[in-house]
Amino acid sequence: QVQLVESGGGLVQPGGSLRLSCAASGRIISINAMGWYRQAPGKERELVTTITRNGMTTSADSVKGRFTISRDNAKNTVYLQMNSLKPEDTAVYYCKAYIVTAYVAYDYWGQGTQVTVSS
């Protein structure tokens, strides 16, 4: 059984910072692309940023220069450093990882963590 567990969400004032973590566990052979997505109330889930196993990244224009994705392959963990947060960044943040096990290769999702940016 593979699990993705996120942590680090919370309430922060505009201009503040948060760091999210997402750790994968289970009978994992390898993890390819990892990424963060978010879903605000009444909106569809959207891509925030992704990172390949080799460290190549892509990001939505709305977060470029403010959010940084990184990963620790030895720990099967992906991070999202969020700086200069804005009220419009308020959403549930989900991590996703393409995980290879002995039986399947599949996109797994975390349970989500709430980020609220408000004064």
Protein backbone atom coordinates (compact mmCIF):
# COMPACT_ATOMS: atom_id res chain seq x y z
CA GLN A 1 0.00 0.00 0.00
CA VAL A 2 1.43 3.34 -1.07
CA GLN A 3 0.59 6.51 0.81
CA LEU A 4 1.37 10.20 0.34
CA VAL A 5 1.12 12.25 3.52
CA GLU A 6 1.24 16.04 3.38
CA SER A 7 2.03 18.41 6.21
CA GLY A 8 2.82 22.07 6.80
CA GLY A 9 -0.38 23.86 5.92
CA GLY A 10 -1.97 26.50 8.08
CA LEU A 11 -3.00 30.12 8.43
CA VAL A 12 -0.55 32.82 7.41
CA GLN A 13 -0.76 36.56 6.84
CA PRO A 14 -0.32 38.06 3.37
CA GLY A 15 3.38 38.34 2.57
CA GLY A 16 4.23 35.44 4.84
CA SER A 17 5.76 32.05 4.11
CA LEU A 18 4.90 28.39 4.55
CA ARG A 19 6.69 25.18 3.71
CA LEU A 20 4.70 22.11 2.74
CA SER A 21 6.06 18.58 2.81
CA CYS A 22 4.77 15.40 1.21
CA ALA A 23 6.28 12.04 2.10
CA ALA A 24 5.64 8.84 0.19
CA SER A 25 5.72 5.49 1.94
CA GLY A 26 5.10 1.85 1.06
CA ARG A 27 6.70 -0.72 -1.23
CA ILE A 28 8.13 1.83 -3.61
CA ILE A 29 10.61 0.96 -6.31
CA SER A 30 10.98 4.46 -7.70
CA ILE A 31 9.22 7.80 -7.90
CA ASN A 32 9.26 9.75 -11.14
CA ALA A 33 7.56 13.14 -11.43
CA MET A 34 6.22 14.76 -8.27
CA GLY A 35 4.11 17.86 -8.05
CA TRP A 36 1.83 20.15 -6.15
CA TYR A 37 -1.71 21.08 -7.13
CA ARG A 38 -4.28 23.26 -5.42
CA GLN A 39 -8.01 23.69 -5.34
CA ALA A 40 -9.72 26.83 -4.12
CA PRO A 41 -13.40 26.86 -3.10
CA GLY A 42 -15.64 26.76 -6.15
CA LYS A 43 -12.73 26.26 -8.53
CA GLU A 44 -11.17 23.33 -10.32
CA ARG A 45 -7.94 21.77 -9.15
CA GLU A 46 -4.97 23.41 -10.85
CA LEU A 47 -1.31 22.66 -11.32
CA VAL A 48 1.05 24.67 -9.13
CA THR A 49 4.47 23.19 -9.83
CA THR A 50 6.18 19.91 -10.73
CA ILE A 51 9.64 18.40 -10.47
CA THR A 52 11.21 15.45 -12.25
CA ARG A 53 13.41 12.90 -10.55
CA ASN A 54 16.42 14.75 -11.94
CA GLY A 55 15.25 18.09 -10.59
CA MET A 56 13.76 19.80 -13.64
CA THR A 57 10.85 22.00 -12.63
CA THR A 58 7.82 23.68 -14.15
CA SER A 59 5.55 26.19 -12.46
CA ALA A 60 2.34 28.07 -13.04
CA ASP A 61 2.88 31.70 -13.96
CA SER A 62 0.94 32.79 -10.87
CA VAL A 63 3.57 31.34 -8.51
CA LYS A 64 6.81 31.87 -10.44
CA GLY A 65 9.33 33.74 -8.33
CA ARG A 66 7.41 33.03 -5.11
CA PHE A 67 7.09 29.23 -4.82
CA THR A 68 9.94 26.72 -5.02
CA ILE A 69 9.58 22.98 -5.35
CA SER A 70 12.30 20.59 -4.28
CA ARG A 71 12.65 16.92 -3.47
CA ASP A 72 14.76 14.51 -1.48
CA ASN A 73 14.86 11.24 -3.40
CA ALA A 74 16.44 9.38 -0.49
CA LYS A 75 13.47 10.30 1.69
CA ASN A 76 10.80 9.98 -1.03
CA THR A 77 9.71 13.49 -0.10
CA VAL A 78 8.74 16.59 -2.04
CA TYR A 79 8.64 20.09 -0.59
CA LEU A 80 6.95 23.34 -1.52
CA GLN A 81 8.44 26.55 -0.18
CA MET A 82 5.87 29.31 -0.51
CA ASN A 83 6.96 32.91 -0.04
CA SER A 84 5.20 36.24 -0.50
CA LEU A 85 1.88 34.54 -0.05
CA LYS A 86 -1.26 36.26 -1.30
CA PRO A 87 -4.92 35.79 -0.34
CA GLU A 88 -5.51 34.22 -3.75
CA ASP A 89 -3.10 31.42 -2.80
CA THR A 90 -5.70 30.20 -0.33
CA ALA A 91 -6.62 26.63 -1.27
CA VAL A 92 -6.28 22.99 -0.37
CA TYR A 93 -2.87 21.89 -1.61
CA TYR A 94 -2.39 18.34 -2.87
CA CYS A 95 0.78 16.52 -3.78
CA LYS A 96 0.91 13.98 -6.57
CA ALA A 97 3.60 11.47 -7.40
CA TYR A 98 4.06 8.93 -10.17
CA ILE A 99 5.13 5.90 -8.18
CA VAL A 100 6.43 2.58 -9.45
CA THR A 101 5.86 -0.50 -7.33
CA ALA A 102 6.38 -4.17 -8.12
CA TYR A 103 2.87 -4.35 -9.55
CA VAL A 104 1.81 -0.97 -10.90
CA ALA A 105 3.00 2.44 -11.99
CA TYR A 106 0.43 5.00 -11.02
CA ASP A 107 -0.26 8.60 -10.06
CA TYR A 108 -0.91 8.72 -6.33
CA TRP A 109 -2.44 11.71 -4.54
CA GLY A 110 -2.09 12.96 -1.01
CA GLN A 111 -5.08 13.82 1.17
CA GLY A 112 -4.55 17.58 0.90
CA THR A 113 -3.52 20.27 3.35
CA GLN A 114 -5.30 23.59 3.83
CA VAL A 115 -3.41 26.83 3.24
CA THR A 116 -5.20 30.02 4.24
CA VAL A 117 -3.70 33.44 3.56
CA SER A 118 -5.55 36.10 5.48
CA SER A 119 -4.97 39.04 7.77
